[in-house]
Amino acid sequence: MAIVDRNGNYYAVVRVDGRQRWLSCGRSKRKAQMLHDEYVVKARRGELHIPKPITFAEFARLFIQDYCEVALKPVTVKEYRGYIDKYLSPEFGRTKMTAIRPEQVQQYVSSLVRENRLSPKSIRNQIVPLRRMFTIAQQWGYVNSNPARGIALPRQGRKEMSFLTPEQMRLLIETTDPEWKALIALGCMCGFRKGECIGLTWDSVLWNEHRIHVKQSLWGGELQEPKTPRSMAKVPMPRKVEDLLLERMMISSGSEMNLVFCRADGSPLRPDFVNRGILDLALKRAGLPRVTFHGLRHSFVAAHVGAGTPIKVIQELARHASIQTTLDRYGHLTPESKEEAARRLDVAVWGMS
């Protein structure tokens, strides 16, 4: 075994089963020495394992085909494929999996931060499939370690949530084009996500129970199960929403997918049309501040908090995975201040008013 310098690139040269293997260590002689020493010890113990040679792009195809499409939901597979094709493969595609070092991944993240084109969340989202790729590569014998683990990622600043007051919610619904009033009402009055609205089918509207069965979402033009099991539930249908859905039924186009909201030819609505062609127009017409469609969901929760709905009930209505999520995101909206809570404790313990 030896360490070889080839034009400033160091290799740990080891012999396994009578064959010589060259392990790339980049430009760090120290790391090459450490890898060499590690392999010497493993060879003496009979534990030496040489990863199978493969480039990042080649392994990415295996990762999507043999792992993601088997173990993950279609929406997640599509997200992973998008991040890999758009960002990760152009950066690492031709590099051998074994040659990708932690500092290389860190430098990639740092360059994205400096460019300031992507949000911290988008950058962090890229590292999720990358880290998972290397975890699977380790299990399959293509690498000995995960260079994406322990990488410093940009901090996500806590953004102030934009939401409408109950009075503004009512004005928005009343101002929306009659064809789409029910869609906006589902966001405001039921806390539906955009994909859940445009993926709603008539068989999921349970008129006799006065509920709506949320069991799917439209993503990429296809109906899919929501990401989390908690998202699937029978949601109470307010009377106003029921009235608006009945009106929608009278004017809706026929749809082969049985969609409640669709285009004139029955095909699914595009998410960008919901934003620009429905919500933004209604907000502008009503003279209201701009909010995203997800902001309607925030408005729904905020209205319940303001109305005094118990936080556990709000969690169930919003279909959050845990009550902690509800508390973390909306606890600051509770009408009682910390000062008021302190005053009430004084009264309870000392009888002070």
Protein backbone atom coordinates (compact mmCIF):
# COMPACT_ATOMS: atom_id res chain seq x y z
CA MET A 1 0.00 0.00 0.00
CA ALA A 2 1.18 3.53 -0.76
CA ILE A 3 0.25 7.17 -1.30
CA VAL A 4 0.72 8.55 -4.81
CA ASP A 5 0.70 12.18 -5.96
CA ARG A 6 -0.51 12.69 -9.53
CA ASN A 7 -0.40 16.37 -10.54
CA GLY A 8 -1.45 17.53 -7.09
CA ASN A 9 -4.19 14.90 -6.68
CA TYR A 10 -3.48 12.31 -4.02
CA TYR A 11 -4.44 8.65 -4.17
CA ALA A 12 -4.35 5.94 -1.55
CA VAL A 13 -3.16 2.85 -3.43
CA VAL A 14 -4.28 -0.39 -1.80
CA ARG A 15 -4.25 -4.05 -2.77
CA VAL A 16 -7.40 -6.13 -2.30
CA ASP A 17 -7.76 -9.77 -3.36
CA GLY A 18 -4.53 -9.50 -5.35
CA ARG A 19 -5.74 -6.42 -7.27
CA GLN A 20 -4.41 -2.90 -6.96
CA ARG A 21 -6.98 -0.16 -6.33
CA TRP A 22 -6.45 3.60 -6.51
CA LEU A 23 -8.69 5.60 -4.18
CA SER A 24 -8.98 9.30 -5.03
CA CYS A 25 -8.54 11.67 -2.07
CA GLY A 26 -8.53 15.04 -3.83
CA ARG A 27 -5.74 17.49 -3.09
CA SER A 28 -5.28 16.67 0.60
CA LYS A 29 -2.24 14.52 1.31
CA ARG A 30 -3.27 14.33 4.96
CA LYS A 31 -6.63 12.77 4.06
CA ALA A 32 -4.92 10.38 1.68
CA GLN A 33 -2.63 9.29 4.52
CA MET A 34 -5.59 8.85 6.88
CA LEU A 35 -7.50 6.78 4.30
CA HIS A 36 -4.39 4.71 3.60
CA ASP A 37 -3.85 4.00 7.31
CA GLU A 38 -7.51 3.13 7.78
CA TYR A 39 -7.34 0.64 4.92
CA VAL A 40 -4.15 -0.92 6.28
CA VAL A 41 -5.90 -1.63 9.58
CA LYS A 42 -9.01 -3.01 7.85
CA ALA A 43 -6.88 -5.22 5.60
CA ARG A 44 -5.18 -6.76 8.63
CA ARG A 45 -8.59 -7.47 10.17
CA GLY A 46 -10.01 -8.87 6.94
CA GLU A 47 -12.60 -6.10 6.86
CA LEU A 48 -11.40 -4.23 3.79
CA HIS A 49 -14.16 -3.30 1.39
CA ILE A 50 -13.52 -1.44 -1.86
CA PRO A 51 -16.56 0.48 -3.13
CA LYS A 52 -17.79 -0.36 -6.61
CA PRO A 53 -16.77 2.33 -9.15
CA ILE A 54 -19.66 4.47 -10.42
CA THR A 55 -20.22 8.13 -11.28
CA PHE A 56 -22.74 10.32 -9.49
CA ALA A 57 -24.98 10.52 -12.58
CA GLU A 58 -24.95 6.72 -13.02
CA PHE A 59 -25.80 6.10 -9.38
CA ALA A 60 -28.50 8.79 -9.44
CA ARG A 61 -30.35 6.77 -12.09
CA LEU A 62 -30.13 3.63 -9.95
CA PHE A 63 -31.21 5.59 -6.87
CA ILE A 64 -34.36 6.92 -8.56
CA GLN A 65 -35.24 3.65 -10.32
CA ASP A 66 -34.42 1.03 -7.71
CA TYR A 67 -34.99 2.91 -4.46
CA CYS A 68 -37.15 6.02 -4.84
CA GLU A 69 -39.76 4.56 -7.20
CA VAL A 70 -40.12 1.56 -4.87
CA ALA A 71 -40.01 3.18 -1.44
CA LEU A 72 -41.26 6.76 -1.87
CA LYS A 73 -44.49 8.42 -2.94
CA PRO A 74 -44.67 9.66 -6.55
CA VAL A 75 -44.73 13.31 -5.45
CA THR A 76 -41.49 12.80 -3.50
CA VAL A 77 -39.88 10.92 -6.39
CA LYS A 78 -40.72 13.82 -8.69
CA GLU A 79 -39.22 16.32 -6.25
CA TYR A 80 -36.02 14.29 -5.86
CA ARG A 81 -35.66 13.82 -9.61
CA GLY A 82 -36.13 17.56 -10.13
CA TYR A 83 -33.41 18.51 -7.63
CA ILE A 84 -31.02 15.90 -9.02
CA ASP A 85 -31.55 16.78 -12.69
CA LYS A 86 -31.56 20.56 -12.25
CA TYR A 87 -28.89 21.08 -9.60
CA LEU A 88 -26.98 18.05 -8.35
CA SER A 89 -26.10 16.19 -11.56
CA PRO A 90 -24.74 19.31 -13.31
CA GLU A 91 -22.48 19.81 -10.28
CA PHE A 92 -21.42 16.24 -9.42
CA GLY A 93 -22.60 14.14 -12.38
CA ARG A 94 -19.24 13.08 -13.88
CA THR A 95 -17.50 12.67 -10.54
CA LYS A 96 -16.98 9.20 -9.08
CA MET A 97 -19.13 8.67 -5.99
CA THR A 98 -16.04 7.75 -3.98
CA ALA A 99 -14.30 10.97 -5.02
CA ILE A 100 -16.97 13.31 -3.62
CA ARG A 101 -15.65 14.64 -0.33
CA PRO A 102 -17.43 16.58 2.45
CA GLU A 103 -15.50 19.75 1.64
CA GLN A 104 -16.67 19.55 -1.98
CA VAL A 105 -20.31 19.37 -0.87
CA GLN A 106 -19.73 22.21 1.59
CA GLN A 107 -18.15 24.35 -1.13
CA TYR A 108 -21.15 23.69 -3.37
CA VAL A 109 -23.54 24.85 -0.63
CA SER A 110 -21.39 27.90 0.07
CA SER A 111 -21.37 28.88 -3.60
CA LEU A 112 -25.18 28.72 -3.72
CA VAL A 113 -25.40 30.94 -0.66
CA ARG A 114 -23.01 33.48 -2.18
CA GLU A 115 -24.89 33.55 -5.50
CA ASN A 116 -28.05 34.45 -3.55
CA ARG A 117 -30.32 33.12 -6.31
CA LEU A 118 -32.01 30.44 -4.21
CA SER A 119 -33.69 30.74 -0.84
CA PRO A 120 -32.15 28.96 2.17
CA LYS A 121 -35.08 26.52 2.06
CA SER A 122 -34.40 25.62 -1.60
CA ILE A 123 -30.73 25.03 -0.84
CA ARG A 124 -31.55 22.85 2.17
CA ASN A 125 -34.07 20.91 0.06
CA GLN A 126 -31.31 19.92 -2.38
CA ILE A 127 -29.24 18.36 0.38
CA VAL A 128 -32.11 16.09 1.49
CA PRO A 129 -31.99 13.82 -1.62
CA LEU A 130 -28.20 14.14 -1.76
CA ARG A 131 -27.81 12.89 1.80
CA ARG A 132 -30.31 10.10 1.15
CA MET A 133 -28.49 9.11 -2.04
CA PHE A 134 -25.23 8.60 -0.19
CA THR A 135 -26.96 6.70 2.61
CA ILE A 136 -28.31 4.22 0.05
CA ALA A 137 -24.96 4.17 -1.79
CA GLN A 138 -23.30 3.18 1.48
CA GLN A 139 -25.81 0.36 2.00
CA TRP A 140 -25.27 -0.88 -1.57
CA GLY A 141 -21.48 -0.81 -1.35
CA TYR A 142 -20.72 2.14 -3.62
CA VAL A 143 -19.19 4.39 -0.94
CA ASN A 144 -17.75 3.95 2.53
CA SER A 145 -19.03 7.21 4.01
CA ASN A 146 -21.66 9.90 3.49
CA PRO A 147 -20.03 13.23 2.51
CA ALA A 148 -23.37 15.07 2.76
CA ARG A 149 -23.76 14.31 6.46
CA GLY A 150 -22.84 17.10 8.86
CA ILE A 151 -22.76 19.81 6.18
CA ALA A 152 -23.36 23.38 7.40
CA LEU A 153 -26.59 24.66 5.82
CA PRO A 154 -27.94 28.22 5.54
CA ARG A 155 -30.25 29.31 8.31
CA GLN A 156 -33.90 29.81 7.49
CA GLY A 157 -35.20 33.09 8.84
CA ARG A 158 -38.63 32.87 10.40
CA LYS A 159 -40.98 34.61 8.00
CA GLU A 160 -43.94 36.52 9.33
CA MET A 161 -47.10 34.74 8.19
CA SER A 162 -49.47 36.77 6.04
CA PHE A 163 -53.14 36.10 6.65
CA LEU A 164 -56.52 37.75 6.34
CA THR A 165 -58.91 38.71 9.11
CA PRO A 166 -62.34 37.00 9.20
CA GLU A 167 -63.89 40.17 7.73
CA GLN A 168 -61.35 40.17 4.91
CA MET A 169 -61.95 36.46 4.28
CA ARG A 170 -65.65 37.14 3.84
CA LEU A 171 -64.97 40.06 1.49
CA LEU A 172 -62.58 37.93 -0.56
CA ILE A 173 -65.10 35.11 -1.00
CA GLU A 174 -67.88 37.55 -1.92
CA THR A 175 -65.64 39.32 -4.47
CA THR A 176 -64.37 36.13 -6.16
CA ASP A 177 -65.83 35.17 -9.53
CA PRO A 178 -68.94 32.98 -8.90
CA GLU A 179 -67.31 30.09 -10.76
CA TRP A 180 -64.52 29.92 -8.17
CA LYS A 181 -66.12 31.12 -4.92
CA ALA A 182 -66.25 27.57 -3.52
CA LEU A 183 -62.57 27.01 -4.26
CA ILE A 184 -61.52 30.13 -2.32
CA ALA A 185 -63.99 29.25 0.45
CA LEU A 186 -62.36 25.85 0.88
CA GLY A 187 -59.05 27.59 1.55
CA CYS A 188 -60.54 30.13 3.95
CA MET A 189 -63.22 28.09 5.70
CA CYS A 190 -61.74 24.57 5.68
CA GLY A 191 -58.00 25.23 5.54
CA PHE A 192 -57.53 23.19 2.36
CA ARG A 193 -54.20 23.29 0.58
CA LYS A 194 -54.20 24.28 -3.09
CA GLY A 195 -53.46 20.74 -4.31
CA GLU A 196 -56.30 19.39 -2.17
CA CYS A 197 -58.73 21.91 -3.67
CA ILE A 198 -57.90 21.29 -7.32
CA GLY A 199 -57.72 17.55 -6.66
CA LEU A 200 -61.15 17.39 -4.96
CA THR A 201 -63.62 15.05 -6.66
CA TRP A 202 -67.40 15.08 -6.24
CA ASP A 203 -67.46 11.63 -4.63
CA SER A 204 -65.39 13.10 -1.77
CA VAL A 205 -68.12 15.63 -0.92
CA LEU A 206 -70.19 13.74 1.66
CA TRP A 207 -73.42 15.71 1.60
CA ASN A 208 -75.28 13.55 4.12
CA GLU A 209 -72.44 13.78 6.65
CA HIS A 210 -71.78 17.49 5.98
CA ARG A 211 -68.12 16.60 5.57
CA ILE A 212 -65.49 16.53 2.86
CA HIS A 213 -63.19 13.52 2.64
CA VAL A 214 -59.66 14.73 1.96
CA LYS A 215 -57.94 11.71 0.45
CA GLN A 216 -55.91 13.00 -2.48
CA SER A 217 -54.10 15.96 -3.95
CA LEU A 218 -53.42 17.07 -7.50
CA TRP A 219 -49.70 17.37 -8.21
CA GLY A 220 -48.08 17.50 -11.61
CA GLY A 221 -51.46 16.94 -13.25
CA GLU A 222 -52.00 13.64 -11.43
CA LEU A 223 -54.11 12.67 -8.43
CA GLN A 224 -51.93 11.40 -5.62
CA GLU A 225 -52.17 10.62 -1.94
CA PRO A 226 -51.16 13.53 0.30
CA LYS A 227 -47.61 13.44 1.62
CA THR A 228 -48.57 12.52 5.19
CA PRO A 229 -51.29 10.17 6.48
CA ARG A 230 -52.46 12.91 8.86
CA SER A 231 -53.51 15.02 5.86
CA MET A 232 -56.18 12.45 4.96
CA ALA A 233 -59.33 13.02 7.00
CA LYS A 234 -63.04 13.83 6.87
CA VAL A 235 -63.24 17.58 7.38
CA PRO A 236 -66.42 19.28 8.65
CA MET A 237 -68.10 21.29 5.89
CA PRO A 238 -69.38 24.71 7.03
CA ARG A 239 -72.87 25.56 5.81
CA LYS A 240 -71.62 28.41 3.62
CA VAL A 241 -69.11 26.10 1.92
CA GLU A 242 -71.87 23.55 1.33
CA ASP A 243 -74.05 26.24 -0.29
CA LEU A 244 -71.20 27.38 -2.53
CA LEU A 245 -70.39 23.80 -3.58
CA LEU A 246 -74.04 23.29 -4.54
CA GLU A 247 -73.82 26.43 -6.68
CA ARG A 248 -70.59 25.13 -8.20
CA MET A 249 -72.29 21.84 -9.05
CA MET A 250 -74.92 23.72 -11.05
CA ILE A 251 -72.38 25.54 -13.26
CA SER A 252 -69.41 23.15 -13.35
CA SER A 253 -68.15 21.53 -16.53
CA GLY A 254 -68.14 17.78 -16.87
CA SER A 255 -64.86 16.11 -15.97
CA GLU A 256 -63.65 12.60 -16.74
CA MET A 257 -61.71 12.76 -13.47
CA ASN A 258 -64.93 13.85 -11.68
CA LEU A 259 -63.16 17.01 -10.49
CA VAL A 260 -65.09 19.66 -8.60
CA PHE A 261 -62.90 22.41 -10.07
CA CYS A 262 -61.70 22.04 -13.64
CA ARG A 263 -61.23 23.88 -16.91
CA ALA A 264 -63.99 24.21 -19.51
CA ASP A 265 -62.81 21.00 -21.21
CA GLY A 266 -62.86 19.07 -17.91
CA SER A 267 -59.08 18.96 -17.51
CA PRO A 268 -57.40 19.82 -14.18
CA LEU A 269 -56.67 23.40 -13.19
CA ARG A 270 -53.04 24.50 -13.27
CA PRO A 271 -51.71 25.65 -9.89
CA ASP A 272 -50.43 28.91 -11.40
CA PHE A 273 -53.92 29.67 -12.75
CA VAL A 274 -55.34 29.34 -9.24
CA ASN A 275 -52.81 31.93 -8.06
CA ARG A 276 -52.89 34.45 -10.89
CA GLY A 277 -56.22 33.78 -12.58
CA ILE A 278 -58.38 33.41 -9.47
CA LEU A 279 -56.87 34.46 -6.13
CA ASP A 280 -54.77 37.46 -7.21
CA LEU A 281 -57.64 38.89 -9.27
CA ALA A 282 -60.09 38.53 -6.36
CA LEU A 283 -57.66 40.13 -3.89
CA LYS A 284 -57.06 43.06 -6.24
CA ARG A 285 -60.78 43.49 -6.88
CA ALA A 286 -61.48 43.50 -3.14
CA GLY A 287 -58.61 45.89 -2.38
CA LEU A 288 -57.02 43.37 0.00
CA PRO A 289 -53.31 42.79 0.73
CA ARG A 290 -51.70 40.04 -1.31
CA VAL A 291 -51.57 36.60 0.29
CA THR A 292 -50.67 33.24 -1.21
CA PHE A 293 -53.19 30.43 -1.42
CA HIS A 294 -51.44 28.85 1.55
CA GLY A 295 -52.03 32.17 3.29
CA LEU A 296 -55.74 31.33 3.18
CA ARG A 297 -54.93 28.25 5.24
CA HIS A 298 -53.04 30.46 7.72
CA SER A 299 -56.11 32.73 7.79
CA PHE A 300 -58.32 29.73 8.58
CA VAL A 301 -56.18 28.75 11.56
CA ALA A 302 -55.77 32.33 12.78
CA ALA A 303 -59.55 32.84 12.66
CA HIS A 304 -60.07 29.73 14.79
CA VAL A 305 -57.44 30.92 17.29
CA GLY A 306 -59.16 34.29 17.51
CA ALA A 307 -62.54 32.62 17.98
CA GLY A 308 -61.21 30.67 20.97
CA THR A 309 -61.30 27.21 19.40
CA PRO A 310 -59.28 24.81 21.61
CA ILE A 311 -55.78 24.29 20.20
CA LYS A 312 -56.23 20.49 20.01
CA VAL A 313 -59.33 20.93 17.87
CA ILE A 314 -57.45 23.39 15.64
CA GLN A 315 -54.70 20.79 15.17
CA GLU A 316 -57.27 18.23 14.04
CA LEU A 317 -59.06 20.67 11.73
CA ALA A 318 -55.77 21.80 10.18
CA ARG A 319 -54.59 18.18 10.02
CA HIS A 320 -51.19 19.00 11.45
CA ALA A 321 -48.96 16.02 12.21
CA SER A 322 -48.70 17.04 15.87
CA ILE A 323 -50.11 19.62 18.25
CA GLN A 324 -46.57 20.95 18.64
CA THR A 325 -46.67 22.08 15.01
CA THR A 326 -49.85 24.04 15.70
CA LEU A 327 -48.42 25.61 18.84
CA ASP A 328 -45.11 26.53 17.21
CA ARG A 329 -46.75 28.18 14.21
CA TYR A 330 -49.79 29.79 15.75
CA GLY A 331 -49.34 29.90 19.51
CA HIS A 332 -48.35 33.57 19.40
CA LEU A 333 -51.80 34.44 18.00
CA THR A 334 -53.67 33.33 21.12
CA PRO A 335 -55.61 36.32 22.49
CA GLU A 336 -54.32 35.97 26.05
CA SER A 337 -50.94 37.67 26.54
CA LYS A 338 -48.20 36.42 28.86
CA GLU A 339 -48.92 39.40 31.10
CA GLU A 340 -52.58 38.39 31.35
CA ALA A 341 -51.56 34.83 32.20
CA ALA A 342 -49.30 36.15 34.99
CA ARG A 343 -52.15 38.28 36.34
CA ARG A 344 -54.51 35.31 36.42
CA LEU A 345 -51.95 33.26 38.36
CA ASP A 346 -51.73 36.07 40.93
CA VAL A 347 -55.49 35.92 41.33
CA ALA A 348 -55.51 32.10 41.62
CA VAL A 349 -52.72 31.91 44.22
CA TRP A 350 -53.06 35.15 46.20
CA GLY A 351 -56.52 36.39 45.43
CA MET A 352 -55.01 39.56 43.97
CA SER A 353 -56.99 41.41 41.33
